[in-house]
Amino acid sequence: MKLLISPASPYVRKVRVLIREAGREGEVEEQAVATTALATDPAIPGHNPLGRIPVLIRDDGSALVDSRVICRFLDAQWGTGLYPEARLWDVLMLEALAEGLLDSALLMAYEVRLRPEEKQWPDWLEAQWAKVVRTLDVLERDWARRLAGPLDMGQVALACALGYLDFRHGARDWREGRPRLAAWEAGMGQRPSIATTRPG
């Protein structure tokens, strides 16, 4: 199989972490592509008309798109157990919260990195950050017990989302006032799958 990637993408990172947690790096070739929200790499549209990554090209040539779809597929193929049936709805809920947090953080990065400064919209940036803050506060308050459980895909998604906040929005210091979430993230950062996929 082949995975179309950009190492800086937090959505790609989720898939790369799963592959490493499964110990299957040798079974998936990673092909880096140069793509942005404004310019799609020509290697992508033939497999994903949306022009987005990650894209997993299976051995028969068919493609899967969207990190959640790809992760569910690989988990099912390899039996990694990152979507445990007994906790499935909690795992999917945490994954959805992490993805939503990422979506807002990515929109903020696009606003700052892709638009000329005079066209940037501060109210839009702060509205997106407010969504991030609300989500982080809920995770700090309500999710500590579930985060302490065995590794699952919701936790992987959250670790990648928090890593993206550090990568693109470090000055906003998401850890302030959230000691439990910060401690959990520090522990996750020791896992080789997280440490070796950290954007830099």
N, C-alpha and C. Protein backbone atom coordinates (compact mmCIF):
# COMPACT_ATOMS: atom_id res chain seq x y z
N MET A 1 0.84 -1.19 0.00
CA MET A 1 0.00 0.00 0.00
C MET A 1 0.88 1.24 0.00
N LYS A 2 0.29 2.33 -0.45
CA LYS A 2 1.02 3.60 -0.51
C LYS A 2 0.18 4.68 0.17
N LEU A 3 0.83 5.51 0.99
CA LEU A 3 0.16 6.60 1.68
C LEU A 3 0.72 7.92 1.18
N LEU A 4 -0.15 8.77 0.61
CA LEU A 4 0.27 10.10 0.19
C LEU A 4 0.23 11.01 1.41
N ILE A 5 1.35 11.67 1.68
CA ILE A 5 1.48 12.40 2.94
C ILE A 5 2.12 13.77 2.76
N SER A 6 1.89 14.61 3.74
CA SER A 6 2.74 15.75 4.05
C SER A 6 3.07 15.61 5.53
N PRO A 7 4.34 15.59 5.90
CA PRO A 7 4.69 15.35 7.30
C PRO A 7 4.12 16.37 8.27
N ALA A 8 3.76 17.55 7.80
CA ALA A 8 3.23 18.59 8.68
C ALA A 8 1.72 18.42 8.94
N SER A 9 1.06 17.59 8.17
CA SER A 9 -0.39 17.45 8.30
C SER A 9 -0.77 16.65 9.54
N PRO A 10 -1.59 17.20 10.42
CA PRO A 10 -2.01 16.44 11.60
C PRO A 10 -2.94 15.29 11.24
N TYR A 11 -3.68 15.41 10.13
CA TYR A 11 -4.56 14.32 9.70
C TYR A 11 -3.72 13.15 9.20
N VAL A 12 -2.69 13.45 8.43
CA VAL A 12 -1.74 12.42 8.00
C VAL A 12 -1.07 11.79 9.22
N ARG A 13 -0.72 12.61 10.19
CA ARG A 13 0.00 12.10 11.35
C ARG A 13 -0.80 11.02 12.07
N LYS A 14 -2.11 11.18 12.17
CA LYS A 14 -2.94 10.15 12.79
C LYS A 14 -2.72 8.78 12.14
N VAL A 15 -2.71 8.76 10.82
CA VAL A 15 -2.53 7.50 10.10
C VAL A 15 -1.12 6.96 10.32
N ARG A 16 -0.14 7.82 10.29
CA ARG A 16 1.24 7.40 10.49
C ARG A 16 1.45 6.84 11.89
N VAL A 17 0.79 7.43 12.88
CA VAL A 17 0.89 6.90 14.24
C VAL A 17 0.27 5.52 14.30
N LEU A 18 -0.90 5.34 13.72
CA LEU A 18 -1.54 4.02 13.73
C LEU A 18 -0.63 2.97 13.10
N ILE A 19 -0.04 3.31 11.96
CA ILE A 19 0.84 2.35 11.28
C ILE A 19 1.99 1.95 12.19
N ARG A 20 2.55 2.91 12.92
CA ARG A 20 3.67 2.61 13.80
C ARG A 20 3.22 1.84 15.04
N GLU A 21 2.06 2.16 15.56
CA GLU A 21 1.54 1.39 16.69
C GLU A 21 1.28 -0.06 16.29
N ALA A 22 0.91 -0.27 15.03
CA ALA A 22 0.67 -1.63 14.54
C ALA A 22 1.96 -2.35 14.17
N GLY A 23 3.08 -1.62 14.09
CA GLY A 23 4.34 -2.22 13.68
C GLY A 23 4.36 -2.63 12.22
N ARG A 24 3.65 -1.87 11.37
CA ARG A 24 3.49 -2.25 9.97
C ARG A 24 4.13 -1.25 9.01
N GLU A 25 5.15 -0.53 9.47
CA GLU A 25 5.77 0.47 8.62
C GLU A 25 6.24 -0.11 7.28
N GLY A 26 6.70 -1.34 7.30
CA GLY A 26 7.21 -1.96 6.08
C GLY A 26 6.14 -2.28 5.05
N GLU A 27 4.87 -2.19 5.44
CA GLU A 27 3.78 -2.55 4.54
C GLU A 27 3.13 -1.35 3.86
N VAL A 28 3.53 -0.14 4.27
CA VAL A 28 2.93 1.07 3.70
C VAL A 28 4.05 2.01 3.27
N GLU A 29 4.15 2.24 1.97
CA GLU A 29 5.13 3.20 1.45
C GLU A 29 4.56 4.60 1.62
N GLU A 30 5.34 5.48 2.24
CA GLU A 30 4.92 6.87 2.41
C GLU A 30 5.50 7.71 1.28
N GLN A 31 4.61 8.37 0.52
CA GLN A 31 5.04 9.24 -0.57
C GLN A 31 4.68 10.67 -0.23
N ALA A 32 5.70 11.50 0.00
CA ALA A 32 5.46 12.90 0.33
C ALA A 32 5.01 13.66 -0.91
N VAL A 33 4.00 14.50 -0.72
CA VAL A 33 3.50 15.35 -1.80
C VAL A 33 3.56 16.80 -1.33
N ALA A 34 3.71 17.71 -2.29
CA ALA A 34 3.77 19.14 -1.98
C ALA A 34 2.41 19.73 -2.32
N THR A 35 1.55 19.84 -1.32
CA THR A 35 0.20 20.31 -1.58
C THR A 35 -0.21 21.32 -0.52
N THR A 36 -1.02 22.29 -0.93
CA THR A 36 -1.55 23.28 0.00
C THR A 36 -3.03 23.48 -0.30
N ALA A 37 -3.67 24.29 0.53
CA ALA A 37 -5.08 24.60 0.28
C ALA A 37 -5.28 25.37 -1.01
N LEU A 38 -4.22 26.00 -1.51
CA LEU A 38 -4.32 26.79 -2.73
C LEU A 38 -3.76 26.08 -3.96
N ALA A 39 -2.94 25.08 -3.77
CA ALA A 39 -2.29 24.40 -4.90
C ALA A 39 -2.19 22.91 -4.59
N THR A 40 -2.99 22.11 -5.30
CA THR A 40 -3.02 20.67 -5.08
C THR A 40 -1.92 19.99 -5.87
N ASP A 41 -1.18 19.11 -5.21
CA ASP A 41 -0.16 18.33 -5.89
C ASP A 41 -0.83 17.48 -6.98
N PRO A 42 -0.24 17.43 -8.19
CA PRO A 42 -0.87 16.66 -9.27
C PRO A 42 -1.01 15.17 -8.99
N ALA A 43 -0.27 14.66 -8.00
CA ALA A 43 -0.37 13.23 -7.68
C ALA A 43 -1.67 12.88 -6.97
N ILE A 44 -2.38 13.89 -6.45
CA ILE A 44 -3.54 13.60 -5.58
C ILE A 44 -4.86 13.45 -6.33
N PRO A 45 -5.26 14.36 -7.23
CA PRO A 45 -6.62 14.32 -7.76
C PRO A 45 -7.04 13.02 -8.43
N GLY A 46 -6.10 12.29 -9.01
CA GLY A 46 -6.44 11.00 -9.61
C GLY A 46 -6.92 9.98 -8.60
N HIS A 47 -6.57 10.20 -7.34
CA HIS A 47 -6.99 9.30 -6.27
C HIS A 47 -8.03 9.92 -5.35
N ASN A 48 -7.98 11.26 -5.23
CA ASN A 48 -8.94 11.97 -4.39
C ASN A 48 -9.32 13.28 -5.08
N PRO A 49 -10.51 13.34 -5.65
CA PRO A 49 -10.90 14.55 -6.37
C PRO A 49 -10.97 15.79 -5.47
N LEU A 50 -11.07 15.59 -4.15
CA LEU A 50 -11.07 16.72 -3.23
C LEU A 50 -9.69 17.36 -3.12
N GLY A 51 -8.66 16.64 -3.56
CA GLY A 51 -7.32 17.18 -3.52
C GLY A 51 -6.69 17.21 -2.15
N ARG A 52 -7.21 16.42 -1.23
CA ARG A 52 -6.73 16.46 0.16
C ARG A 52 -5.96 15.19 0.52
N ILE A 53 -5.14 15.35 1.53
CA ILE A 53 -4.40 14.21 2.09
C ILE A 53 -4.88 14.01 3.53
N PRO A 54 -4.69 12.79 4.04
CA PRO A 54 -4.01 11.63 3.47
C PRO A 54 -4.86 10.90 2.44
N VAL A 55 -4.16 10.16 1.59
CA VAL A 55 -4.79 9.23 0.66
C VAL A 55 -4.06 7.91 0.81
N LEU A 56 -4.81 6.84 1.01
CA LEU A 56 -4.23 5.50 1.07
C LEU A 56 -4.58 4.78 -0.23
N ILE A 57 -3.56 4.41 -0.99
CA ILE A 57 -3.75 3.66 -2.23
C ILE A 57 -3.51 2.20 -1.90
N ARG A 58 -4.56 1.42 -2.05
CA ARG A 58 -4.49 0.01 -1.70
C ARG A 58 -3.79 -0.79 -2.79
N ASP A 59 -3.49 -2.04 -2.48
CA ASP A 59 -2.71 -2.87 -3.40
C ASP A 59 -3.43 -3.08 -4.73
N ASP A 60 -4.76 -3.01 -4.73
CA ASP A 60 -5.50 -3.18 -5.99
C ASP A 60 -5.63 -1.87 -6.77
N GLY A 61 -5.02 -0.78 -6.26
CA GLY A 61 -5.05 0.50 -6.93
C GLY A 61 -6.18 1.41 -6.49
N SER A 62 -7.16 0.88 -5.76
CA SER A 62 -8.25 1.72 -5.27
C SER A 62 -7.77 2.55 -4.09
N ALA A 63 -8.43 3.67 -3.88
CA ALA A 63 -7.97 4.62 -2.86
C ALA A 63 -9.01 4.80 -1.76
N LEU A 64 -8.52 5.09 -0.58
CA LEU A 64 -9.34 5.52 0.54
C LEU A 64 -8.88 6.92 0.93
N VAL A 65 -9.82 7.80 1.25
CA VAL A 65 -9.50 9.16 1.65
C VAL A 65 -10.14 9.46 3.00
N ASP A 66 -9.65 10.52 3.63
CA ASP A 66 -10.09 10.98 4.95
C ASP A 66 -9.42 10.13 6.04
N SER A 67 -8.78 10.80 6.97
CA SER A 67 -8.01 10.08 7.98
C SER A 67 -8.86 9.12 8.80
N ARG A 68 -10.10 9.48 9.10
CA ARG A 68 -10.95 8.59 9.89
C ARG A 68 -11.28 7.32 9.13
N VAL A 69 -11.56 7.44 7.85
CA VAL A 69 -11.85 6.26 7.03
C VAL A 69 -10.61 5.38 6.93
N ILE A 70 -9.47 5.99 6.66
CA ILE A 70 -8.23 5.23 6.52
C ILE A 70 -7.88 4.52 7.82
N CYS A 71 -8.02 5.22 8.94
CA CYS A 71 -7.68 4.60 10.23
C CYS A 71 -8.61 3.44 10.54
N ARG A 72 -9.91 3.58 10.27
CA ARG A 72 -10.82 2.46 10.52
C ARG A 72 -10.47 1.27 9.64
N PHE A 73 -10.12 1.55 8.38
CA PHE A 73 -9.75 0.46 7.47
C PHE A 73 -8.51 -0.28 7.96
N LEU A 74 -7.45 0.46 8.28
CA LEU A 74 -6.21 -0.19 8.71
C LEU A 74 -6.40 -0.93 10.03
N ASP A 75 -7.17 -0.34 10.94
CA ASP A 75 -7.45 -1.01 12.21
C ASP A 75 -8.16 -2.34 11.96
N ALA A 76 -9.12 -2.33 11.06
CA ALA A 76 -9.85 -3.57 10.75
C ALA A 76 -8.95 -4.58 10.04
N GLN A 77 -8.11 -4.09 9.14
CA GLN A 77 -7.22 -4.99 8.40
C GLN A 77 -6.22 -5.68 9.31
N TRP A 78 -5.68 -4.92 10.24
CA TRP A 78 -4.57 -5.41 11.05
C TRP A 78 -4.97 -5.85 12.46
N GLY A 79 -6.21 -5.57 12.84
CA GLY A 79 -6.65 -5.96 14.18
C GLY A 79 -5.89 -5.25 15.29
N THR A 80 -5.62 -3.96 15.11
CA THR A 80 -4.84 -3.25 16.12
C THR A 80 -5.64 -2.94 17.38
N GLY A 81 -6.96 -3.00 17.31
CA GLY A 81 -7.78 -2.78 18.50
C GLY A 81 -7.88 -1.34 18.94
N LEU A 82 -7.63 -0.40 18.03
CA LEU A 82 -7.70 1.01 18.42
C LEU A 82 -9.12 1.57 18.36
N TYR A 83 -10.05 0.75 17.90
CA TYR A 83 -11.48 1.09 17.97
C TYR A 83 -12.20 -0.04 18.73
N PRO A 84 -11.92 -0.19 20.02
CA PRO A 84 -12.49 -1.32 20.77
C PRO A 84 -14.01 -1.25 20.85
N GLU A 85 -14.67 -2.35 20.57
CA GLU A 85 -16.13 -2.36 20.51
C GLU A 85 -16.76 -1.95 21.83
N ALA A 86 -16.16 -2.35 22.94
CA ALA A 86 -16.75 -2.05 24.25
C ALA A 86 -16.75 -0.56 24.57
N ARG A 87 -15.85 0.20 23.95
CA ARG A 87 -15.75 1.64 24.20
C ARG A 87 -15.92 2.45 22.93
N LEU A 88 -16.54 1.84 21.91
CA LEU A 88 -16.52 2.43 20.58
C LEU A 88 -17.07 3.84 20.54
N TRP A 89 -18.20 4.10 21.21
CA TRP A 89 -18.81 5.42 21.10
C TRP A 89 -17.99 6.48 21.81
N ASP A 90 -17.36 6.13 22.91
CA ASP A 90 -16.45 7.08 23.56
C ASP A 90 -15.25 7.38 22.66
N VAL A 91 -14.71 6.33 22.03
CA VAL A 91 -13.56 6.51 21.14
C VAL A 91 -13.93 7.41 19.96
N LEU A 92 -15.08 7.14 19.35
CA LEU A 92 -15.50 7.95 18.21
C LEU A 92 -15.81 9.38 18.62
N MET A 93 -16.38 9.55 19.82
CA MET A 93 -16.67 10.90 20.30
C MET A 93 -15.39 11.69 20.52
N LEU A 94 -14.40 11.04 21.15
CA LEU A 94 -13.12 11.73 21.38
C LEU A 94 -12.45 12.03 20.05
N GLU A 95 -12.50 11.11 19.12
CA GLU A 95 -11.91 11.35 17.80
C GLU A 95 -12.60 12.53 17.12
N ALA A 96 -13.93 12.61 17.24
CA ALA A 96 -14.67 13.71 16.63
C ALA A 96 -14.31 15.05 17.27
N LEU A 97 -14.17 15.07 18.59
CA LEU A 97 -13.76 16.31 19.26
C LEU A 97 -12.37 16.74 18.81
N ALA A 98 -11.46 15.78 18.71
CA ALA A 98 -10.10 16.10 18.27
C ALA A 98 -10.11 16.61 16.84
N GLU A 99 -10.90 15.98 15.97
CA GLU A 99 -10.97 16.41 14.57
C GLU A 99 -11.56 17.82 14.47
N GLY A 100 -12.59 18.09 15.25
CA GLY A 100 -13.19 19.42 15.22
C GLY A 100 -12.23 20.48 15.71
N LEU A 101 -11.50 20.16 16.77
CA LEU A 101 -10.47 21.07 17.27
C LEU A 101 -9.44 21.35 16.18
N LEU A 102 -9.02 20.27 15.51
CA LEU A 102 -8.05 20.41 14.42
C LEU A 102 -8.59 21.27 13.29
N ASP A 103 -9.85 21.06 12.94
CA ASP A 103 -10.44 21.84 11.85
C ASP A 103 -10.35 23.33 12.14
N SER A 104 -10.70 23.72 13.37
CA SER A 104 -10.63 25.14 13.73
C SER A 104 -9.20 25.64 13.74
N ALA A 105 -8.29 24.85 14.28
CA ALA A 105 -6.88 25.26 14.32
C ALA A 105 -6.30 25.39 12.92
N LEU A 106 -6.70 24.50 12.02
CA LEU A 106 -6.21 24.56 10.65
C LEU A 106 -6.76 25.79 9.93
N LEU A 107 -8.04 26.11 10.14
CA LEU A 107 -8.60 27.31 9.53
C LEU A 107 -7.86 28.56 9.99
N MET A 108 -7.48 28.58 11.26
CA MET A 108 -6.70 29.70 11.77
C MET A 108 -5.35 29.80 11.05
N ALA A 109 -4.70 28.65 10.89
CA ALA A 109 -3.40 28.65 10.22
C ALA A 109 -3.53 29.12 8.78
N TYR A 110 -4.58 28.69 8.09
CA TYR A 110 -4.79 29.14 6.73
C TYR A 110 -4.99 30.66 6.68
N GLU A 111 -5.77 31.18 7.61
CA GLU A 111 -6.06 32.61 7.62
C GLU A 111 -4.78 33.43 7.74
N VAL A 112 -3.85 32.95 8.57
CA VAL A 112 -2.62 33.69 8.82
C VAL A 112 -1.56 33.42 7.75
N ARG A 113 -1.47 32.17 7.30
CA ARG A 113 -0.38 31.79 6.42
C ARG A 113 -0.69 32.01 4.94
N LEU A 114 -1.97 32.01 4.56
CA LEU A 114 -2.31 32.04 3.14
C LEU A 114 -2.92 33.37 2.69
N ARG A 115 -3.40 34.18 3.64
CA ARG A 115 -4.01 35.44 3.25
C ARG A 115 -3.06 36.59 3.55
N PRO A 116 -3.03 37.60 2.69
CA PRO A 116 -2.22 38.78 3.00
C PRO A 116 -2.68 39.39 4.32
N GLU A 117 -1.74 39.97 5.04
CA GLU A 117 -2.05 40.48 6.38
C GLU A 117 -3.22 41.46 6.38
N GLU A 118 -3.32 42.30 5.37
CA GLU A 118 -4.39 43.31 5.35
C GLU A 118 -5.76 42.69 5.09
N LYS A 119 -5.79 41.43 4.66
CA LYS A 119 -7.06 40.75 4.41
C LYS A 119 -7.43 39.75 5.50
N GLN A 120 -6.58 39.61 6.49
CA GLN A 120 -6.89 38.69 7.58
C GLN A 120 -8.00 39.26 8.46
N TRP A 121 -8.79 38.38 9.03
CA TRP A 121 -9.98 38.75 9.78
C TRP A 121 -9.80 38.34 11.25
N PRO A 122 -9.41 39.27 12.10
CA PRO A 122 -9.16 38.92 13.50
C PRO A 122 -10.36 38.29 14.21
N ASP A 123 -11.57 38.77 13.92
CA ASP A 123 -12.76 38.20 14.56
C ASP A 123 -12.93 36.73 14.20
N TRP A 124 -12.63 36.39 12.96
CA TRP A 124 -12.70 34.99 12.51
C TRP A 124 -11.68 34.14 13.27
N LEU A 125 -10.45 34.65 13.38
CA LEU A 125 -9.42 33.93 14.11
C LEU A 125 -9.85 33.67 15.55
N GLU A 126 -10.37 34.67 16.21
CA GLU A 126 -10.73 34.51 17.61
C GLU A 126 -11.96 33.61 17.79
N ALA A 127 -12.87 33.63 16.81
CA ALA A 127 -14.03 32.74 16.87
C ALA A 127 -13.59 31.28 16.75
N GLN A 128 -12.61 31.04 15.89
CA GLN A 128 -12.09 29.66 15.77
C GLN A 128 -11.35 29.26 17.04
N TRP A 129 -10.55 30.18 17.58
CA TRP A 129 -9.83 29.86 18.81
C TRP A 129 -10.79 29.60 19.96
N ALA A 130 -11.90 30.30 20.00
CA ALA A 130 -12.90 30.07 21.05
C ALA A 130 -13.42 28.64 21.00
N LYS A 131 -13.57 28.08 19.80
CA LYS A 131 -14.01 26.68 19.67
C LYS A 131 -12.94 25.74 20.22
N VAL A 132 -11.70 26.06 19.92
CA VAL A 132 -10.58 25.26 20.46
C VAL A 132 -10.58 25.30 21.98
N VAL A 133 -10.70 26.50 22.54
CA VAL A 133 -10.67 26.67 23.99
C VAL A 133 -11.81 25.90 24.66
N ARG A 134 -13.02 26.02 24.13
CA ARG A 134 -14.15 25.30 24.72
C ARG A 134 -13.91 23.80 24.71
N THR A 135 -13.37 23.30 23.62
CA THR A 135 -13.11 21.87 23.51
C THR A 135 -12.04 21.43 24.49
N LEU A 136 -10.96 22.20 24.58
CA LEU A 136 -9.89 21.87 25.53
C LEU A 136 -10.42 21.88 26.96
N ASP A 137 -11.27 22.83 27.28
CA ASP A 137 -11.81 22.91 28.65
C ASP A 137 -12.69 21.71 28.97
N VAL A 138 -13.48 21.27 28.02
CA VAL A 138 -14.30 20.07 28.23
C VAL A 138 -13.41 18.84 28.42
N LEU A 139 -12.38 18.73 27.60
CA LEU A 139 -11.47 17.59 27.73
C LEU A 139 -10.77 17.59 29.09
N GLU A 140 -10.34 18.76 29.53
CA GLU A 140 -9.69 18.88 30.85
C GLU A 140 -10.65 18.49 31.96
N ARG A 141 -11.88 18.94 31.87
CA ARG A 141 -12.85 18.75 32.95
C ARG A 141 -13.46 17.34 32.97
N ASP A 142 -13.77 16.80 31.78
CA ASP A 142 -14.63 15.62 31.73
C ASP A 142 -13.98 14.35 31.22
N TRP A 143 -12.76 14.43 30.65
CA TRP A 143 -12.24 13.27 29.95
C TRP A 143 -11.01 12.63 30.59
N ALA A 144 -10.59 13.09 31.75
CA ALA A 144 -9.35 12.58 32.35
C ALA A 144 -9.39 11.07 32.55
N ARG A 145 -10.50 10.56 33.06
CA ARG A 145 -10.59 9.11 33.33
C ARG A 145 -10.48 8.30 32.04
N ARG A 146 -11.17 8.75 31.00
CA ARG A 146 -11.14 8.00 29.74
C ARG A 146 -9.79 8.11 29.04
N LEU A 147 -9.12 9.25 29.21
CA LEU A 147 -7.79 9.39 28.62
C LEU A 147 -6.77 8.48 29.30
N ALA A 148 -7.05 8.10 30.54
CA ALA A 148 -6.12 7.24 31.29
C ALA A 148 -6.23 5.78 30.89
N GLY A 149 -7.21 5.43 30.06
CA GLY A 149 -7.41 4.03 29.68
C GLY A 149 -6.43 3.56 28.63
N PRO A 150 -6.60 2.32 28.18
CA PRO A 150 -5.72 1.77 27.13
C PRO A 150 -5.77 2.63 25.86
N LEU A 151 -4.68 2.62 25.11
CA LEU A 151 -4.58 3.44 23.91
C LEU A 151 -5.70 3.12 22.92
N ASP A 152 -6.31 4.17 22.38
CA ASP A 152 -7.31 4.00 21.33
C ASP A 152 -7.15 5.12 20.31
N MET A 153 -7.95 5.08 19.27
CA MET A 153 -7.77 6.04 18.18
C MET A 153 -8.22 7.43 18.58
N GLY A 154 -9.14 7.55 19.51
CA GLY A 154 -9.51 8.87 20.01
C GLY A 154 -8.32 9.55 20.66
N GLN A 155 -7.57 8.79 21.45
CA GLN A 155 -6.38 9.35 22.09
C GLN A 155 -5.33 9.74 21.06
N VAL A 156 -5.15 8.89 20.06
CA VAL A 156 -4.18 9.21 19.00
C VAL A 156 -4.58 10.52 18.31
N ALA A 157 -5.86 10.65 17.98
CA ALA A 157 -6.34 11.86 17.31
C ALA A 157 -6.11 13.09 18.18
N LEU A 158 -6.37 12.96 19.47
CA LEU A 158 -6.19 14.09 20.37
C LEU A 158 -4.72 14.46 20.49
N ALA A 159 -3.85 13.48 20.62
CA ALA A 159 -2.41 13.77 20.69
C ALA A 159 -1.94 14.51 19.44
N CYS A 160 -2.45 14.11 18.28
CA CYS A 160 -2.07 14.79 17.04
C CYS A 160 -2.63 16.20 16.99
N ALA A 161 -3.83 16.38 17.50
CA ALA A 161 -4.43 17.72 17.53
C ALA A 161 -3.65 18.65 18.45
N LEU A 162 -3.29 18.16 19.62
CA LEU A 162 -2.52 18.99 20.55
C LEU A 162 -1.13 19.29 19.99
N GLY A 163 -0.55 18.33 19.31
CA GLY A 163 0.72 18.57 18.66
C GLY A 163 0.64 19.65 17.60
N TYR A 164 -0.49 19.69 16.90
CA TYR A 164 -0.67 20.73 15.90
C TYR A 164 -0.82 22.10 16.54
N LEU A 165 -1.49 22.16 17.70
CA LEU A 165 -1.58 23.44 18.41
C LEU A 165 -0.19 23.94 18.78
N ASP A 166 0.68 23.04 19.22
CA ASP A 166 2.06 23.44 19.52
C ASP A 166 2.77 23.91 18.25
N PHE A 167 2.56 23.21 17.16
CA PHE A 167 3.28 23.46 15.91
C PHE A 167 2.88 24.80 15.28
N ARG A 168 1.59 25.10 15.24
CA ARG A 168 1.12 26.29 14.54
C ARG A 168 0.63 27.41 15.46
N HIS A 169 0.30 27.09 16.71
CA HIS A 169 -0.28 28.10 17.59
C HIS A 169 0.37 28.07 18.98
N GLY A 170 1.66 27.80 19.00
CA GLY A 170 2.36 27.65 20.27
C GLY A 170 2.27 28.86 21.17
N ALA A 171 2.22 30.04 20.59
CA ALA A 171 2.18 31.26 21.40
C ALA A 171 0.90 31.38 22.21
N ARG A 172 -0.12 30.67 21.83
CA ARG A 172 -1.40 30.74 22.57
C ARG A 172 -1.41 29.83 23.81
N ASP A 173 -0.44 28.95 23.94
CA ASP A 173 -0.22 28.14 25.14
C ASP A 173 -1.49 27.44 25.62
N TRP A 174 -1.88 26.41 24.88
CA TRP A 174 -3.09 25.67 25.24
C TRP A 174 -2.99 24.99 26.60
N ARG A 175 -1.77 24.77 27.13
CA ARG A 175 -1.60 24.07 28.40
C ARG A 175 -2.02 24.90 29.62
N GLU A 176 -2.02 26.21 29.49
CA GLU A 176 -2.29 27.07 30.64
C GLU A 176 -3.68 26.76 31.22
N GLY A 177 -3.71 26.45 32.52
CA GLY A 177 -4.96 26.16 33.20
C GLY A 177 -5.50 24.76 32.93
N ARG A 178 -4.72 23.90 32.28
CA ARG A 178 -5.19 22.55 31.95
C ARG A 178 -4.12 21.53 32.34
N PRO A 179 -3.84 21.39 33.63
CA PRO A 179 -2.73 20.54 34.06
C PRO A 179 -2.93 19.06 33.73
N ARG A 180 -4.16 18.57 33.82
CA ARG A 180 -4.37 17.14 33.54
C ARG A 180 -4.16 16.83 32.07
N LEU A 181 -4.68 17.69 31.20
CA LEU A 181 -4.49 17.48 29.77
C LEU A 181 -3.02 17.63 29.39
N ALA A 182 -2.35 18.60 29.99
CA ALA A 182 -0.93 18.80 29.70
C ALA A 182 -0.10 17.60 30.14
N ALA A 183 -0.41 17.05 31.31
CA ALA A 183 0.33 15.87 31.80
C ALA A 183 0.07 14.67 30.91
N TRP A 184 -1.17 14.51 30.50
CA TRP A 184 -1.49 13.39 29.60
C TRP A 184 -0.74 13.52 28.28
N GLU A 185 -0.72 14.72 27.71
CA GLU A 185 -0.03 14.94 26.44
C GLU A 185 1.47 14.67 26.58
N ALA A 186 2.05 15.07 27.71
CA ALA A 186 3.48 14.82 27.93
C ALA A 186 3.77 13.32 27.96
N GLY A 187 2.89 12.56 28.60
CA GLY A 187 3.06 11.12 28.62
C GLY A 187 2.92 10.50 27.25
N MET A 188 1.93 10.96 26.49
CA MET A 188 1.75 10.44 25.13
C MET A 188 2.96 10.76 24.27
N GLY A 189 3.57 11.90 24.51
CA GLY A 189 4.72 12.31 23.72
C GLY A 189 5.92 11.39 23.86
N GLN A 190 5.91 10.53 24.89
CA GLN A 190 7.00 9.57 25.07
C GLN A 190 6.85 8.33 24.20
N ARG A 191 5.65 8.12 23.66
CA ARG A 191 5.46 6.95 22.80
C ARG A 191 6.26 7.14 21.51
N PRO A 192 7.00 6.14 21.07
CA PRO A 192 7.78 6.29 19.84
C PRO A 192 6.95 6.70 18.64
N SER A 193 5.73 6.18 18.54
CA SER A 193 4.88 6.51 17.38
C SER A 193 4.54 8.00 17.35
N ILE A 194 4.42 8.60 18.52
CA ILE A 194 4.13 10.05 18.60
C ILE A 194 5.40 10.85 18.41
N ALA A 195 6.46 10.44 19.08
CA ALA A 195 7.72 11.19 19.02
C ALA A 195 8.31 11.23 17.62
N THR A 196 8.22 10.13 16.89
CA THR A 196 8.86 10.07 15.58
C THR A 196 8.03 10.69 14.47
N THR A 197 6.78 11.04 14.75
CA THR A 197 5.95 11.67 13.73
C THR A 197 5.69 13.14 14.02
N ARG A 198 6.33 13.68 15.05
CA ARG A 198 6.11 15.06 15.45
C ARG A 198 6.58 16.01 14.33
N PRO A 199 5.73 16.95 13.91
CA PRO A 199 6.16 17.89 12.86
C PRO A 199 7.24 18.83 13.40
N GLY A 200 8.12 19.24 12.53
CA GLY A 200 9.21 20.09 13.00
C GLY A 200 9.65 21.08 11.95
